[in-house]
Protein backbone atom coordinates (compact mmCIF):
# COMPACT_ATOMS: atom_id res chain seq x y z
CA UNK A 1 -216.74 50.75 -78.49
CA UNK A 2 -213.33 49.18 -78.11
CA UNK A 3 -211.28 48.59 -75.12
CA UNK A 4 -207.22 49.15 -75.18
CA UNK A 5 -206.70 45.76 -75.41
CA UNK A 6 -208.23 45.31 -78.33
CA UNK A 7 -206.94 48.55 -80.08
CA UNK A 8 -203.52 47.37 -79.05
CA UNK A 9 -203.96 43.80 -80.46
CA UNK A 10 -205.33 45.64 -84.12
CA UNK A 11 -202.34 48.20 -83.80
CA UNK A 12 -200.29 44.48 -83.85
CA UNK A 13 -202.21 43.30 -86.70
CA UNK A 14 -201.45 46.42 -88.32
CA UNK A 15 -197.53 46.48 -87.96
CA UNK A 16 -197.19 42.87 -89.58
CA UNK A 17 -196.47 42.05 -92.95
CA UNK A 18 -196.28 44.26 -95.87
CA UNK A 19 -198.53 47.17 -94.15
CA UNK A 20 -195.85 47.32 -91.23
CA UNK A 21 -193.19 47.74 -93.48
CA UNK A 22 -195.03 50.87 -95.11
CA UNK A 23 -195.86 52.23 -91.58
CA UNK A 24 -192.18 51.52 -90.46
CA UNK A 25 -190.89 53.63 -93.42
CA UNK A 26 -193.25 56.37 -92.18
CA UNK A 27 -192.59 56.45 -88.31
CA UNK A 28 -189.00 55.07 -87.97
CA UNK A 29 -188.90 54.70 -84.23
CA UNK A 30 -189.99 53.15 -80.90
CA UNK A 31 -193.30 54.47 -79.07
CA UNK A 32 -194.60 53.62 -75.10
CA UNK A 33 -197.81 54.36 -74.98
CA UNK A 34 -199.31 54.42 -71.22
CA UNK A 35 -202.70 54.35 -71.44
CA UNK A 36 -204.70 54.62 -67.96
CA UNK A 37 -203.19 52.04 -65.93
CA UNK A 38 -201.70 50.03 -68.65
CA UNK A 39 -198.05 50.26 -70.85
CA UNK A 40 -198.01 49.10 -74.34
CA UNK A 41 -194.70 49.44 -76.63
CA UNK A 42 -194.69 49.42 -80.08
CA UNK A 43 -191.48 49.10 -82.24
CA UNK A 44 -191.06 50.52 -85.83
CA UNK A 45 -187.58 51.36 -85.42
CA UNK A 46 -186.54 48.59 -88.18
CA UNK A 47 -188.15 46.48 -90.99
CA UNK A 48 -187.68 43.56 -89.05
CA UNK A 49 -188.63 44.64 -85.95
CA UNK A 50 -192.42 45.75 -86.22
CA UNK A 51 -193.95 44.79 -82.94
CA UNK A 52 -196.37 45.54 -80.39
CA UNK A 53 -195.79 44.55 -76.80
CA UNK A 54 -197.47 44.99 -73.48
CA UNK A 55 -195.64 46.67 -70.99
CA UNK A 56 -192.43 48.85 -71.44
CA UNK A 57 -190.14 46.95 -73.90
CA UNK A 58 -187.87 49.78 -74.11
CA UNK A 59 -186.91 50.14 -70.48
CA UNK A 60 -187.94 53.90 -70.56
CA UNK A 61 -185.48 54.79 -73.39
CA UNK A 62 -188.48 54.88 -76.26
CA UNK A 63 -188.00 57.43 -78.45
CA UNK A 64 -191.38 58.88 -77.98
CA UNK A 65 -193.48 58.40 -75.15
CA UNK A 66 -197.47 59.27 -75.32
CA UNK A 67 -199.77 59.31 -71.56
CA UNK A 68 -203.39 59.38 -71.84
CA UNK A 69 -206.73 57.77 -70.64
CA UNK A 70 -208.59 55.06 -72.28
CA UNK A 71 -210.98 57.46 -72.79
CA UNK A 72 -208.36 59.87 -74.89
CA UNK A 73 -207.21 56.80 -76.71
CA UNK A 74 -210.93 55.57 -77.44
CA UNK A 75 -211.81 59.11 -78.87
CA UNK A 76 -208.55 59.28 -80.81
CA UNK A 77 -209.32 55.67 -82.58
CA UNK A 78 -212.88 56.75 -83.29
CA UNK A 79 -211.50 60.12 -84.89
CA UNK A 80 -213.29 62.32 -82.25
CA UNK A 81 -210.24 64.12 -81.61
CA UNK A 82 -206.85 64.10 -83.54
CA UNK A 83 -203.75 63.39 -81.61
CA UNK A 84 -202.32 67.04 -82.43
CA UNK A 85 -205.78 68.61 -80.96
CA UNK A 86 -205.19 66.44 -77.47
CA UNK A 87 -202.07 67.30 -76.99
CA UNK A 88 -202.84 70.95 -77.44
CA UNK A 89 -206.04 70.53 -74.93
CA UNK A 90 -203.95 68.48 -72.41
CA UNK A 91 -205.63 65.48 -73.03
CA UNK A 92 -202.57 63.67 -74.11
CA UNK A 93 -198.85 63.97 -72.89
CA UNK A 94 -196.16 63.37 -75.30
CA UNK A 95 -192.44 63.04 -74.14
CA UNK A 96 -189.83 62.26 -76.47
CA UNK A 97 -189.12 62.88 -80.33
CA UNK A 98 -191.62 65.51 -81.49
CA UNK A 99 -191.57 64.28 -85.23
CA UNK A 100 -192.91 60.86 -84.34
CA UNK A 101 -195.71 62.57 -82.49
CA UNK A 102 -197.03 64.01 -85.75
CA UNK A 103 -196.81 60.76 -87.29
CA UNK A 104 -199.02 59.05 -84.43
CA UNK A 105 -202.07 59.82 -87.02
CA UNK A 106 -200.71 57.37 -89.75
CA UNK A 107 -200.35 54.52 -86.83
CA UNK A 108 -203.83 55.31 -85.18
CA UNK A 109 -205.05 55.36 -89.35
CA UNK A 110 -203.57 51.71 -89.82
CA UNK A 111 -204.87 50.23 -86.51
CA UNK A 112 -208.36 51.84 -87.39
CA UNK A 113 -208.57 49.47 -90.57
CA UNK A 114 -207.75 46.40 -88.39
CA UNK A 115 -210.50 47.17 -85.75
CA UNK A 116 -214.18 45.52 -86.89
CA UNK A 117 -216.19 48.31 -87.34
CA UNK A 118 -218.86 47.42 -84.54
CA UNK A 119 -215.69 48.14 -82.28
CA UNK A 120 -215.01 51.70 -83.32
C-alpha cells in the first residue's frame, strides 16, 4: 500500500510534460486535497502551471476542495472505490465546483500510472 506522500509524488510526476498538458485540458482548475492531517494542492489551471505541492498553495481559494482520510485516498488509488461512490457514501467531502469533482477520476488514473505496481 502506498502512503499519501507517495501518491502525491506520483501525481506530481503525472502533471508534468505532455501528460500534464493533456490532463490540464481535461481538468482546467485548481484543487486542494485535505487527506488526514496533510494538505496538498493541485494546479492545472493553465498549461504552464501544472504542479502539485504540499500545503494550501491557493490560500483557501482553490476551485475544488477534497476532504478525505488516508484510507479513502488509498482505496480510490487502488480502484476499490470510485470518487463518485466515496462522495455518495459520505467517505469523501467536496467543496467547490462539482464539474471538477467529476473529473477527479482522470487525475487519479494518471496518478495510478506513475505509481509502481508494487505500491498499489
